[in-house]
Amino acid sequence: MRFSKTNDVLGTVNRGNPTESGLCTLCRADCEGKCETWLSSLVGRKLLYPRSFGIVTAGSNNTTHVGVSYNSLRIQGYAYGAHGLGEGLSTDPDDCIFPNVNLTTQFGKAVKTKVRMPLMTGAMGSTFVAQKYWDAFAIGGALVGIPVVIGENVVGVDRNSEITPGDVRKGKIKSAPELERRIDGYLRYFDGYGAIIVQLNVEDTRNGVAEFVADKYGDKCIIELKWGQGAKNIGGEIQVRSLDYALFLKNRGYIVDPDPTIPEVQEAFENGSIKSFARHSRLGATNMDTVDQVRRDFMSTVEYLRSIGFNRITLKTGSYGMEELAMAIKFATDAKLDLLTIDGSGGGTGMSPWNMMQSWGVPSIHLHAKAYEYASILAAKGQSVVDMSFAGGFATEDHIFKALALGAPFTKMVCMGRAVMVPGFVGANIEGALFPDRRGAVNGHWSELPKTVQRVGNSAKEIFAAYFDVEKKVGKDEMKHIPYGAIAFCTLADKLAGGLQQLLAGARKFSMSQITRNEIFSANRETALEIGVPHVSDINNESAKKILNS
């Protein structure tokens, strides 16, 4: 493992056991710090470098690479050249500096969606964490200029949404306050970069979410079909601690476990032996037995969504096996979808069965390597392959670089779920500690700033490195409407952007379109064999010998 519980060089500490991403296996909203992502949400780019400059030297401890993972890939650097410089820039060293690396990218077919940096959020749906901290995620994402995804079941679990029986094509949803709040929160600060994406699962399709979004928002939203995710393969879940709410969800048509309508279950709840209920979604495509059936249904669904007004449609698939991966890439390409997000095992949500998350599915690096292989097969036939985004356990700038390079030229973005939620948590806690009257509204957990924050500062202007960047963008008067979680989000994004620019400049690539698989190599033979990325000592070995023999 690359990450240990403590990193003396950065001065970071994990509260729990670190994962491949560097985040703890269990990331808590009330955490007082301070893992790398947590501290980056405050100090931003400062965390790109070792601490205590002037009295220290620092050396890498990442000298051994065991097993096959993204951390067993290393990044290539070059001693000459400069590629992809923007207009007005030359190969003069004064122009070939890392701040001049252009991180903007775009995705889509008929309609191109512009993005300021190759990052998007994971789908944040009906979990209460997403609901509580949505303003931080949505406003932060809009200010950064990246896509933000509204996940599944938001309408269905909203007590205040009005859903009437009948044909979804005739306006089944009369109102959906929580979904509207989430969309409107993003669009308020949307400036042409990024997008708000609304995801559909089985229940959302039945409830008429697509029709509601199309009627109310038109082409302001992207609609996303969902096949699955990397954390679990049985659909979304939430946990509720109210019998009344469990009965409401049961009546809405959800699977609720244990069944709250059973008298014995109600008695157990009233006596305290049952303390919560799990709400589950349904599996999709259960009435199909062949690939051809899945294809016909998929194409029909895409055609219908276009007919009701969506000119941008995406697909999210999970860490299924190779057949489903090939289907997703082939069908999305044939349907001319705008984006395919491929989520490998390694991510996680708030309510995935733990041992399922540990044992189910294809690990991210294997899935993504095969996605590149399959996309290359279609490209060799002359097909315009769907743009792709990779997800599944990413948190740092080197993860972004490696995933983009592994899937190049098909990957346009990297999708982060848990990592970009951390700034929402820490920002809300800081805001609630500094302003007790706001604590409930922002879902803050702290009554006072912990020492981990006080070492950075005691006010928002001292704490958040990106505070004045946000103020410049929105204006001083508007800052009172920006939650601290959104400022923390922008701070973390700036650190990721700065680090990514440095890695790209070291590879002599000054724009996103220039990234290739030649920018990464495998640190062990097993990874080279499994992933198809050559070993460090094999890449350019022949050209090196030509130099020696010249």
Protein backbone atom coordinates (compact mmCIF):
# COMPACT_ATOMS: atom_id res chain seq x y z
CA MET A 1 0.00 0.00 0.00
CA ARG A 2 1.23 3.46 -0.84
CA PHE A 3 -0.58 5.17 2.02
CA SER A 4 0.12 4.62 5.70
CA LYS A 5 -1.80 6.08 8.65
CA THR A 6 0.69 8.90 9.07
CA ASN A 7 2.68 10.91 6.55
CA ASP A 8 5.39 12.85 8.30
CA VAL A 9 6.39 14.69 5.12
CA LEU A 10 2.97 16.30 4.66
CA GLY A 11 2.03 16.29 8.33
CA THR A 12 -1.12 14.30 7.63
CA VAL A 13 -2.78 11.56 9.68
CA ASN A 14 -5.57 9.14 8.87
CA ARG A 15 -8.08 8.57 11.65
CA GLY A 16 -8.89 5.09 10.32
CA ASN A 17 -7.27 2.61 7.99
CA PRO A 18 -6.25 4.21 4.67
CA THR A 19 -7.48 2.72 1.40
CA GLU A 20 -5.80 2.71 -2.00
CA SER A 21 -7.08 6.27 -2.46
CA GLY A 22 -5.57 7.53 0.81
CA LEU A 23 -9.00 8.10 2.33
CA CYS A 24 -10.00 6.14 5.41
CA THR A 25 -12.16 3.09 4.83
CA LEU A 26 -14.78 4.88 6.94
CA CYS A 27 -14.81 8.62 6.26
CA ARG A 28 -16.78 10.50 8.92
CA ALA A 29 -18.52 13.83 8.44
CA ASP A 30 -17.49 14.90 11.96
CA CYS A 31 -13.81 14.03 11.52
CA GLU A 32 -11.39 16.56 13.03
CA GLY A 33 -8.66 15.64 10.58
CA LYS A 34 -6.31 15.31 9.12
CA CYS A 35 -5.78 13.08 6.10
CA GLU A 36 -4.30 14.52 2.92
CA THR A 37 -7.69 15.27 1.34
CA TRP A 38 -9.03 16.82 4.58
CA LEU A 39 -6.05 19.15 4.99
CA SER A 40 -5.97 19.98 1.26
CA SER A 41 -9.51 21.34 1.67
CA LEU A 42 -8.03 24.04 3.91
CA VAL A 43 -4.51 24.82 2.71
CA GLY A 44 -4.85 23.83 -0.95
CA ARG A 45 -1.66 23.84 -3.01
CA LYS A 46 0.55 24.08 0.04
CA LEU A 47 0.00 20.36 0.52
CA LEU A 48 1.71 19.61 -2.77
CA TYR A 49 5.01 20.10 -0.93
CA PRO A 50 6.76 18.78 2.21
CA ARG A 51 6.20 20.76 5.39
CA SER A 52 8.71 22.80 7.37
CA PHE A 53 10.65 24.05 4.37
CA GLY A 54 14.05 25.45 5.28
CA ILE A 55 14.83 23.03 8.08
CA VAL A 56 14.12 19.69 6.39
CA THR A 57 14.98 17.45 3.50
CA ALA A 58 12.44 14.92 2.26
CA GLY A 59 12.74 11.62 0.42
CA SER A 60 10.18 9.29 -1.12
CA ASN A 61 9.30 6.15 0.81
CA ASN A 62 7.42 4.70 -2.16
CA THR A 63 10.25 2.48 -3.38
CA THR A 64 8.47 -0.88 -3.49
CA HIS A 65 5.36 -1.64 -5.50
CA VAL A 66 3.58 -4.89 -4.69
CA GLY A 67 0.50 -6.17 -6.47
CA VAL A 68 -1.63 -4.63 -9.20
CA SER A 69 -3.22 -1.25 -8.45
CA TYR A 70 -3.10 2.35 -9.60
CA ASN A 71 -0.36 2.86 -7.04
CA SER A 72 1.75 0.36 -8.98
CA LEU A 73 1.73 2.68 -11.97
CA ARG A 74 4.35 5.41 -12.13
CA ILE A 75 4.39 8.61 -14.17
CA GLN A 76 6.86 9.15 -16.99
CA GLY A 77 8.91 12.31 -17.30
CA TYR A 78 10.95 13.64 -20.19
CA ALA A 79 14.06 15.80 -20.41
CA TYR A 80 13.20 17.52 -23.68
CA GLY A 81 10.29 18.72 -25.81
CA ALA A 82 7.04 20.62 -25.28
CA HIS A 83 3.70 19.54 -26.75
CA GLY A 84 0.25 21.12 -26.83
CA LEU A 85 1.19 24.69 -25.99
CA GLY A 86 -1.69 27.11 -26.27
CA GLU A 87 -2.13 29.97 -28.68
CA GLY A 88 0.45 32.69 -28.17
CA LEU A 89 2.86 30.40 -26.34
CA SER A 90 6.21 29.30 -27.73
CA THR A 91 8.74 26.63 -26.81
CA ASP A 92 10.74 29.26 -24.99
CA PRO A 93 11.36 28.16 -21.36
CA ASP A 94 9.56 31.29 -20.19
CA ASP A 95 6.35 29.91 -21.73
CA CYS A 96 6.89 26.22 -20.88
CA ILE A 97 5.97 26.55 -17.22
CA PHE A 98 3.45 24.43 -15.37
CA PRO A 99 0.91 27.24 -14.73
CA ASN A 100 0.54 27.41 -18.54
CA VAL A 101 -0.73 23.82 -18.73
CA ASN A 102 -4.31 24.04 -19.99
CA LEU A 103 -6.57 21.70 -18.03
CA THR A 104 -9.80 22.52 -19.87
CA THR A 105 -11.42 19.64 -21.70
CA GLN A 106 -14.76 18.74 -23.21
CA PHE A 107 -16.94 15.72 -23.80
CA GLY A 108 -19.92 14.85 -25.93
CA LYS A 109 -20.99 14.12 -29.49
CA ALA A 110 -23.41 16.53 -31.17
CA VAL A 111 -23.22 18.96 -28.25
CA LYS A 112 -19.88 19.55 -26.55
CA THR A 113 -19.84 20.16 -22.80
CA LYS A 114 -16.89 22.27 -21.67
CA VAL A 115 -15.11 21.48 -18.39
CA ARG A 116 -12.44 23.58 -16.64
CA MET A 117 -10.49 20.62 -15.32
CA PRO A 118 -10.80 16.89 -16.02
CA LEU A 119 -12.83 16.10 -12.92
CA MET A 120 -16.45 15.30 -12.12
CA THR A 121 -18.25 14.25 -8.97
CA GLY A 122 -19.65 10.83 -8.35
CA ALA A 123 -23.42 10.42 -8.22
CA MET A 124 -24.77 11.80 -4.95
CA GLY A 125 -28.34 10.67 -4.61
CA SER A 126 -30.76 9.77 -1.85
CA THR A 127 -28.18 9.28 0.91
CA PHE A 128 -28.68 11.75 3.74
CA VAL A 129 -25.04 12.82 3.50
CA ALA A 130 -25.69 14.04 -0.06
CA GLN A 131 -28.85 15.83 1.03
CA LYS A 132 -27.25 17.54 4.02
CA TYR A 133 -24.15 18.80 2.24
CA TRP A 134 -25.55 19.27 -1.26
CA ASP A 135 -25.03 23.04 -1.35
CA ALA A 136 -21.31 22.56 -0.72
CA PHE A 137 -20.96 20.00 -3.49
CA ALA A 138 -23.18 21.73 -6.05
CA ILE A 139 -21.99 25.30 -5.54
CA GLY A 140 -18.38 24.19 -5.23
CA GLY A 141 -18.62 22.14 -8.40
CA ALA A 142 -20.30 24.95 -10.31
CA LEU A 143 -17.65 27.47 -9.22
CA VAL A 144 -14.85 25.10 -10.23
CA GLY A 145 -16.58 24.42 -13.55
CA ILE A 146 -16.95 20.62 -13.40
CA PRO A 147 -19.95 18.29 -13.83
CA VAL A 148 -21.89 17.41 -10.70
CA VAL A 149 -24.11 14.31 -10.70
CA ILE A 150 -27.44 14.02 -8.88
CA GLY A 151 -27.75 10.34 -8.08
CA GLU A 152 -30.69 7.99 -8.00
CA ASN A 153 -33.90 8.02 -5.94
CA VAL A 154 -33.87 11.70 -4.95
CA VAL A 155 -37.51 12.18 -5.93
CA GLY A 156 -38.72 8.88 -4.55
CA VAL A 157 -37.43 9.39 -1.00
CA ASP A 158 -38.59 13.01 -0.79
CA ARG A 159 -41.68 13.16 1.43
CA ASN A 160 -42.67 16.45 -0.21
CA SER A 161 -42.56 15.24 -3.79
CA GLU A 162 -45.94 14.69 -5.41
CA ILE A 163 -46.15 11.57 -7.55
CA THR A 164 -49.53 10.59 -8.98
CA PRO A 165 -50.44 7.22 -10.49
CA GLY A 166 -50.59 6.99 -14.24
CA ASP A 167 -48.54 7.30 -17.39
CA VAL A 168 -45.15 8.92 -16.77
CA ARG A 169 -45.41 10.65 -20.13
CA LYS A 170 -48.38 12.67 -18.87
CA GLY A 171 -46.69 14.41 -15.98
CA LYS A 172 -46.68 11.81 -13.21
CA ILE A 173 -44.49 13.99 -10.96
CA LYS A 174 -46.36 17.15 -9.94
CA SER A 175 -43.55 18.52 -7.79
CA ALA A 176 -40.11 17.41 -6.66
CA PRO A 177 -38.76 20.03 -4.21
CA GLU A 178 -35.51 18.25 -3.31
CA LEU A 179 -34.56 17.51 -6.92
CA GLU A 180 -35.38 21.10 -7.91
CA ARG A 181 -33.31 22.43 -5.00
CA ARG A 182 -30.32 20.43 -6.15
CA ILE A 183 -30.58 21.44 -9.79
CA ASP A 184 -31.26 25.10 -9.02
CA GLY A 185 -28.37 25.25 -6.54
CA TYR A 186 -25.92 24.25 -9.26
CA LEU A 187 -27.42 26.36 -12.04
CA ARG A 188 -27.28 29.52 -9.90
CA TYR A 189 -23.48 29.55 -10.23
CA PHE A 190 -23.12 27.74 -13.56
CA ASP A 191 -21.13 29.88 -16.01
CA GLY A 192 -20.90 27.69 -19.09
CA TYR A 193 -18.33 25.18 -17.80
CA GLY A 194 -19.45 21.90 -16.27
CA ALA A 195 -22.95 20.46 -16.19
CA ILE A 196 -25.64 19.19 -13.86
CA ILE A 197 -26.36 15.51 -14.57
CA VAL A 198 -29.50 13.75 -13.33
CA GLN A 199 -29.30 9.98 -12.95
CA LEU A 200 -32.08 7.45 -13.54
CA ASN A 201 -32.54 4.02 -12.00
CA VAL A 202 -35.52 1.67 -12.15
CA GLU A 203 -37.60 3.61 -9.62
CA ASP A 204 -36.75 6.97 -11.17
CA THR A 205 -37.88 5.68 -14.56
CA ARG A 206 -41.14 4.43 -13.10
CA ASN A 207 -41.73 7.71 -11.31
CA GLY A 208 -41.19 9.84 -14.42
CA VAL A 209 -38.07 11.71 -13.33
CA ALA A 210 -36.81 12.13 -16.90
CA GLU A 211 -40.11 13.58 -18.06
CA PHE A 212 -40.22 16.00 -15.13
CA VAL A 213 -36.66 17.21 -15.73
CA ALA A 214 -37.23 17.57 -19.48
CA ASP A 215 -40.42 19.60 -18.97
CA LYS A 216 -39.00 21.91 -16.30
CA TYR A 217 -35.35 22.32 -17.30
CA GLY A 218 -35.03 21.29 -20.93
CA ASP A 219 -31.46 21.13 -22.16
CA LYS A 220 -30.05 22.71 -18.99
CA CYS A 221 -29.59 19.19 -17.60
CA ILE A 222 -27.91 16.05 -18.85
CA ILE A 223 -29.79 12.80 -18.22
CA GLU A 224 -27.85 9.70 -17.17
CA LEU A 225 -28.87 6.07 -17.47
CA LYS A 226 -27.54 3.90 -14.68
CA TRP A 227 -26.50 0.28 -15.00
CA GLY A 228 -24.63 0.09 -11.73
CA GLN A 229 -21.72 1.23 -9.61
CA GLY A 230 -18.50 -0.14 -8.23
CA ALA A 231 -19.47 -0.35 -4.56
CA LYS A 232 -22.37 -2.82 -4.86
CA ASN A 233 -24.42 -4.67 -7.44
CA ILE A 234 -27.95 -4.55 -5.99
CA GLY A 235 -28.90 -0.90 -6.45
CA GLY A 236 -28.97 2.01 -4.03
CA GLU A 237 -29.73 1.84 -0.32
CA ILE A 238 -30.34 4.20 2.54
CA GLN A 239 -30.95 3.59 6.23
CA VAL A 240 -33.89 5.16 8.06
CA ARG A 241 -34.57 5.23 11.78
CA SER A 242 -38.28 6.11 11.67
CA LEU A 243 -41.07 3.55 11.36
CA ASP A 244 -43.29 6.19 9.82
CA TYR A 245 -40.71 7.02 7.16
CA ALA A 246 -40.08 3.31 6.51
CA LEU A 247 -43.79 2.83 5.88
CA PHE A 248 -43.81 5.87 3.59
CA LEU A 249 -40.98 4.40 1.52
CA LYS A 250 -42.71 1.02 1.41
CA ASN A 251 -45.86 2.72 0.11
CA ARG A 252 -43.74 4.56 -2.47
CA GLY A 253 -42.89 1.17 -3.89
CA TYR A 254 -39.42 0.60 -2.46
CA ILE A 255 -38.03 -2.57 -0.94
CA VAL A 256 -37.70 -1.95 2.81
CA ASP A 257 -35.84 -4.44 5.01
CA PRO A 258 -37.09 -5.60 7.43
CA ASP A 259 -40.63 -5.14 6.14
CA PRO A 260 -42.19 -2.38 8.27
CA THR A 261 -45.74 -3.58 7.52
CA ILE A 262 -45.22 -6.84 9.44
CA PRO A 263 -46.71 -6.54 12.97
CA GLU A 264 -43.82 -8.41 14.60
CA VAL A 265 -41.32 -6.02 12.98
CA GLN A 266 -43.30 -3.03 14.25
CA GLU A 267 -43.36 -4.52 17.74
CA ALA A 268 -39.61 -5.16 17.63
CA PHE A 269 -39.02 -1.56 16.54
CA GLU A 270 -41.22 -0.16 19.32
CA ASN A 271 -39.31 -2.26 21.87
CA GLY A 272 -35.89 -1.30 20.55
CA SER A 273 -34.62 -4.62 19.19
CA ILE A 274 -34.94 -3.25 15.64
CA LYS A 275 -33.57 0.26 15.43
CA SER A 276 -33.46 1.01 11.70
CA PHE A 277 -34.65 -0.04 8.28
CA ALA A 278 -32.78 -0.35 4.98
CA ARG A 279 -34.43 0.95 1.82
CA HIS A 280 -33.31 -0.78 -1.38
CA SER A 281 -33.75 -0.22 -5.10
CA ARG A 282 -34.53 -2.86 -7.69
CA LEU A 283 -32.29 -4.61 -10.16
CA GLY A 284 -32.64 -3.50 -13.76
CA ALA A 285 -32.93 -5.60 -16.93
CA THR A 286 -34.31 -8.63 -15.07
CA ASN A 287 -36.67 -9.45 -17.95
CA MET A 288 -33.82 -9.85 -20.46
CA ASP A 289 -31.83 -12.99 -21.11
CA THR A 290 -29.69 -12.10 -24.12
CA VAL A 291 -27.32 -9.35 -25.19
CA ASP A 292 -29.60 -8.56 -28.14
CA GLN A 293 -32.53 -7.94 -25.80
CA VAL A 294 -30.44 -5.59 -23.67
CA ARG A 295 -29.27 -3.75 -26.77
CA ARG A 296 -32.76 -3.27 -28.17
CA ASP A 297 -34.08 -2.02 -24.85
CA PHE A 298 -31.12 0.32 -24.40
CA MET A 299 -31.42 1.83 -27.86
CA SER A 300 -35.15 2.25 -27.42
CA THR A 301 -34.64 4.05 -24.12
CA VAL A 302 -32.06 6.40 -25.63
CA GLU A 303 -34.35 7.15 -28.57
CA TYR A 304 -37.21 7.93 -26.18
CA LEU A 305 -35.10 10.24 -24.02
CA ARG A 306 -34.06 12.16 -27.12
CA SER A 307 -37.69 12.40 -28.23
CA ILE A 308 -38.68 14.18 -25.01
CA GLY A 309 -35.95 16.78 -25.37
CA PHE A 310 -32.62 15.51 -24.03
CA ASN A 311 -29.79 16.29 -26.45
CA ARG A 312 -27.14 15.07 -24.00
CA ILE A 313 -27.37 11.55 -22.56
CA THR A 314 -24.77 9.64 -20.54
CA LEU A 315 -24.39 6.16 -19.07
CA LYS A 316 -22.94 5.03 -15.75
CA THR A 317 -21.86 1.40 -15.40
CA GLY A 318 -20.33 -0.51 -12.53
CA SER A 319 -17.63 -3.11 -11.99
CA TYR A 320 -19.37 -5.94 -13.79
CA GLY A 321 -17.45 -8.47 -15.84
CA MET A 322 -16.01 -8.13 -19.31
CA GLU A 323 -19.22 -8.86 -21.24
CA GLU A 324 -21.11 -6.03 -19.58
CA LEU A 325 -18.14 -3.70 -20.03
CA ALA A 326 -18.04 -4.47 -23.75
CA MET A 327 -21.80 -3.94 -23.97
CA ALA A 328 -21.56 -0.56 -22.26
CA ILE A 329 -18.80 0.70 -24.55
CA LYS A 330 -20.34 -0.71 -27.73
CA PHE A 331 -23.92 0.36 -27.02
CA ALA A 332 -22.90 3.83 -25.81
CA THR A 333 -20.78 4.27 -28.93
CA ASP A 334 -23.52 3.09 -31.29
CA ALA A 335 -26.10 5.28 -29.57
CA LYS A 336 -23.76 8.29 -29.81
CA LEU A 337 -23.97 8.94 -26.09
CA ASP A 338 -22.04 11.89 -24.69
CA LEU A 339 -20.19 10.13 -21.86
CA LEU A 340 -19.69 6.70 -20.32
CA THR A 341 -18.59 6.59 -16.68
CA ILE A 342 -16.95 3.29 -15.73
CA ASP A 343 -16.85 2.73 -11.97
CA GLY A 344 -14.50 0.04 -10.73
CA SER A 345 -14.52 -1.66 -7.35
CA GLY A 346 -12.56 0.49 -4.96
CA GLY A 347 -15.01 3.29 -4.38
CA GLY A 348 -17.67 3.31 -1.73
CA THR A 349 -20.84 4.99 -0.54
CA GLY A 350 -22.60 5.43 2.77
CA MET A 351 -24.74 2.30 2.70
CA SER A 352 -23.06 -0.44 0.66
CA PRO A 353 -23.03 -3.91 2.27
CA TRP A 354 -19.49 -4.09 3.64
CA ASN A 355 -18.45 -7.58 2.57
CA MET A 356 -20.09 -7.07 -0.81
CA MET A 357 -18.03 -3.92 -1.28
CA GLN A 358 -14.91 -5.83 -0.21
CA SER A 359 -15.42 -8.84 -2.46
CA TRP A 360 -17.66 -7.95 -5.38
CA GLY A 361 -16.69 -6.81 -8.84
CA VAL A 362 -13.64 -5.99 -10.94
CA PRO A 363 -10.94 -3.79 -9.32
CA SER A 364 -10.67 -0.38 -10.92
CA ILE A 365 -7.33 -0.73 -12.68
CA HIS A 366 -8.27 -4.05 -14.31
CA LEU A 367 -11.63 -2.71 -15.47
CA HIS A 368 -10.16 0.50 -16.83
CA ALA A 369 -7.35 -1.30 -18.65
CA LYS A 370 -9.89 -3.53 -20.38
CA ALA A 371 -12.02 -0.49 -21.20
CA TYR A 372 -9.06 0.96 -23.10
CA GLU A 373 -8.53 -2.36 -24.91
CA TYR A 374 -12.18 -2.64 -25.93
CA ALA A 375 -12.41 1.01 -26.99
CA SER A 376 -9.30 0.53 -29.12
CA ILE A 377 -10.98 -2.38 -30.93
CA LEU A 378 -13.89 -0.12 -31.92
CA ALA A 379 -11.58 2.74 -32.86
CA ALA A 380 -9.58 0.43 -35.13
CA LYS A 381 -12.82 -0.23 -37.02
CA GLY A 382 -13.20 3.48 -37.61
CA GLN A 383 -15.89 4.06 -35.01
CA SER A 384 -16.09 7.28 -33.00
CA VAL A 385 -15.81 5.79 -29.52
CA VAL A 386 -17.87 7.30 -26.71
CA ASP A 387 -15.98 9.69 -24.41
CA MET A 388 -15.23 8.04 -21.09
CA SER A 389 -14.73 8.92 -17.44
CA PHE A 390 -13.04 6.52 -15.00
CA ALA A 391 -14.16 6.19 -11.37
CA GLY A 392 -13.32 3.98 -8.44
CA GLY A 393 -11.10 5.03 -5.53
CA PHE A 394 -9.40 8.24 -6.71
CA ALA A 395 -8.42 11.14 -4.46
CA THR A 396 -5.15 12.77 -5.55
CA GLU A 397 -3.74 14.52 -8.60
CA ASP A 398 -1.52 11.59 -9.56
CA HIS A 399 -4.60 9.35 -9.59
CA ILE A 400 -6.21 11.73 -12.09
CA PHE A 401 -3.12 11.69 -14.29
CA LYS A 402 -2.75 7.91 -14.23
CA ALA A 403 -6.42 7.25 -15.02
CA LEU A 404 -6.44 9.75 -17.89
CA ALA A 405 -3.25 8.25 -19.32
CA LEU A 406 -4.41 4.65 -18.91
CA GLY A 407 -7.55 5.36 -20.93
CA ALA A 408 -6.13 7.89 -23.38
CA PRO A 409 -7.32 9.11 -25.81
CA PHE A 410 -10.81 8.00 -24.80
CA THR A 411 -10.85 9.28 -21.20
CA LYS A 412 -11.83 12.92 -20.84
CA MET A 413 -12.36 13.06 -17.08
CA VAL A 414 -11.89 11.26 -13.78
CA CYS A 415 -14.85 10.82 -11.46
CA MET A 416 -14.32 11.28 -7.71
CA GLY A 417 -16.96 10.38 -5.15
CA ARG A 418 -15.83 10.25 -1.53
CA ALA A 419 -12.81 12.53 -1.98
CA VAL A 420 -14.79 15.57 -3.11
CA MET A 421 -17.29 15.08 -0.30
CA VAL A 422 -14.62 15.62 2.36
CA PRO A 423 -14.40 19.41 1.81
CA GLY A 424 -18.17 19.63 2.21
CA PHE A 425 -17.89 18.02 5.63
CA VAL A 426 -14.95 20.02 6.93
CA GLY A 427 -16.28 23.31 5.55
CA ALA A 428 -19.64 22.81 7.24
CA ASN A 429 -17.96 21.94 10.53
CA ILE A 430 -15.82 25.08 10.40
CA GLU A 431 -18.80 27.28 9.53
CA GLY A 432 -20.86 25.77 12.34
CA ALA A 433 -18.05 26.24 14.86
CA LEU A 434 -17.46 29.88 13.90
CA PHE A 435 -21.18 30.72 13.69
CA PRO A 436 -23.19 28.59 16.16
CA ASP A 437 -26.47 30.02 14.87
CA ARG A 438 -25.73 28.40 11.46
CA ARG A 439 -24.61 25.04 12.84
CA GLY A 440 -27.92 23.29 12.36
CA ALA A 441 -28.55 24.72 8.90
CA VAL A 442 -25.15 23.67 7.55
CA ASN A 443 -25.09 20.35 9.49
CA GLY A 444 -21.92 21.22 11.37
CA HIS A 445 -20.66 18.83 14.04
CA TRP A 446 -18.17 20.97 15.95
CA SER A 447 -18.90 23.35 18.81
CA GLU A 448 -15.44 24.91 18.45
CA LEU A 449 -12.53 24.73 16.03
CA PRO A 450 -10.23 21.79 16.80
CA LYS A 451 -6.49 22.35 17.09
CA THR A 452 -5.98 20.82 13.65
CA VAL A 453 -7.85 23.78 12.16
CA GLN A 454 -6.59 26.43 14.57
CA ARG A 455 -3.05 25.67 13.44
CA VAL A 456 -4.16 26.93 10.02
CA GLY A 457 -6.29 29.87 11.13
CA ASN A 458 -9.27 31.12 13.10
CA SER A 459 -11.42 32.72 10.39
CA ALA A 460 -12.53 31.69 6.92
CA LYS A 461 -10.13 34.18 5.33
CA GLU A 462 -7.23 32.63 7.25
CA ILE A 463 -8.29 29.00 6.91
CA PHE A 464 -9.23 28.55 3.25
CA ALA A 465 -6.43 29.16 0.76
CA ALA A 466 -8.98 29.68 -2.04
CA TYR A 467 -11.20 32.12 -0.12
CA PHE A 468 -10.21 35.19 -2.11
CA ASP A 469 -10.29 33.31 -5.41
CA VAL A 470 -13.93 32.48 -4.70
CA GLU A 471 -14.61 36.05 -3.60
CA LYS A 472 -13.14 37.39 -6.83
CA LYS A 473 -15.38 35.07 -8.85
CA VAL A 474 -18.69 35.76 -7.08
CA GLY A 475 -18.11 39.22 -5.57
CA LYS A 476 -17.95 40.31 -1.96
CA ASP A 477 -21.71 40.73 -1.62
CA GLU A 478 -22.39 37.22 -2.88
CA MET A 479 -19.89 35.61 -0.50
CA LYS A 480 -22.49 35.56 2.26
CA HIS A 481 -24.43 33.01 0.19
CA ILE A 482 -21.45 30.71 -0.40
CA PRO A 483 -21.25 27.88 2.16
CA TYR A 484 -17.83 27.22 3.63
CA GLY A 485 -18.08 23.68 2.28
CA ALA A 486 -18.12 25.11 -1.25
CA ILE A 487 -15.05 27.25 -0.47
CA ALA A 488 -13.30 24.13 0.84
CA PHE A 489 -14.37 22.29 -2.33
CA CYS A 490 -12.74 25.00 -4.46
CA THR A 491 -9.62 24.84 -2.29
CA LEU A 492 -9.23 21.10 -2.77
CA ALA A 493 -9.91 21.41 -6.51
CA ASP A 494 -7.22 24.07 -6.81
CA LYS A 495 -4.69 21.76 -5.15
CA LEU A 496 -5.63 18.93 -7.50
CA ALA A 497 -5.41 21.27 -10.50
CA GLY A 498 -2.01 22.62 -9.49
CA GLY A 499 -0.61 19.16 -8.88
CA LEU A 500 -1.99 17.89 -12.18
CA GLN A 501 -0.44 20.82 -14.05
CA GLN A 502 2.94 19.98 -12.52
CA LEU A 503 2.71 16.32 -13.54
CA LEU A 504 1.69 17.26 -17.07
CA ALA A 505 4.48 19.80 -17.41
CA GLY A 506 6.98 17.17 -16.29
CA ALA A 507 5.68 14.93 -19.05
CA ARG A 508 6.05 17.90 -21.44
CA LYS A 509 2.31 17.91 -22.19
CA PHE A 510 0.68 21.32 -21.96
CA SER A 511 -2.91 20.46 -22.88
CA MET A 512 -5.29 17.63 -22.07
CA SER A 513 -5.45 16.34 -25.64
CA GLN A 514 -1.76 15.47 -25.54
CA ILE A 515 -1.96 12.82 -22.80
CA THR A 516 -1.09 9.31 -24.00
CA ARG A 517 -0.35 5.94 -22.43
CA ASN A 518 3.34 6.68 -22.98
CA GLU A 519 3.17 8.91 -19.90
CA ILE A 520 2.84 5.96 -17.49
CA PHE A 521 4.73 2.73 -16.88
CA SER A 522 4.31 -0.27 -14.61
CA ALA A 523 6.47 -0.50 -11.50
CA ASN A 524 6.37 -4.30 -11.37
CA ARG A 525 6.15 -7.11 -13.89
CA GLU A 526 2.80 -8.36 -12.65
CA THR A 527 1.19 -5.00 -13.36
CA ALA A 528 2.81 -4.87 -16.80
CA LEU A 529 1.40 -8.31 -17.60
CA GLU A 530 -2.10 -7.66 -16.31
CA ILE A 531 -2.62 -4.07 -17.48
CA GLY A 532 -0.69 -4.00 -20.72
CA VAL A 533 1.39 -0.98 -19.70
CA PRO A 534 5.11 -1.82 -20.16
CA HIS A 535 7.49 -2.13 -17.25
CA VAL A 536 9.59 0.89 -16.30
CA SER A 537 12.80 -0.62 -17.63
CA ASP A 538 11.22 -1.67 -20.95
CA ILE A 539 9.70 1.61 -22.09
CA ASN A 540 11.98 3.38 -24.58
CA ASN A 541 14.61 0.71 -24.03
CA GLU A 542 15.13 0.17 -27.74
CA SER A 543 15.48 3.87 -28.51
CA ALA A 544 17.94 4.14 -25.62
CA LYS A 545 20.08 1.41 -27.18
CA LYS A 546 19.99 3.21 -30.53
CA ILE A 547 21.45 6.27 -28.80
CA LEU A 548 24.21 4.17 -27.30
CA ASN A 549 25.00 2.51 -30.61
CA SER A 550 24.86 5.67 -32.71
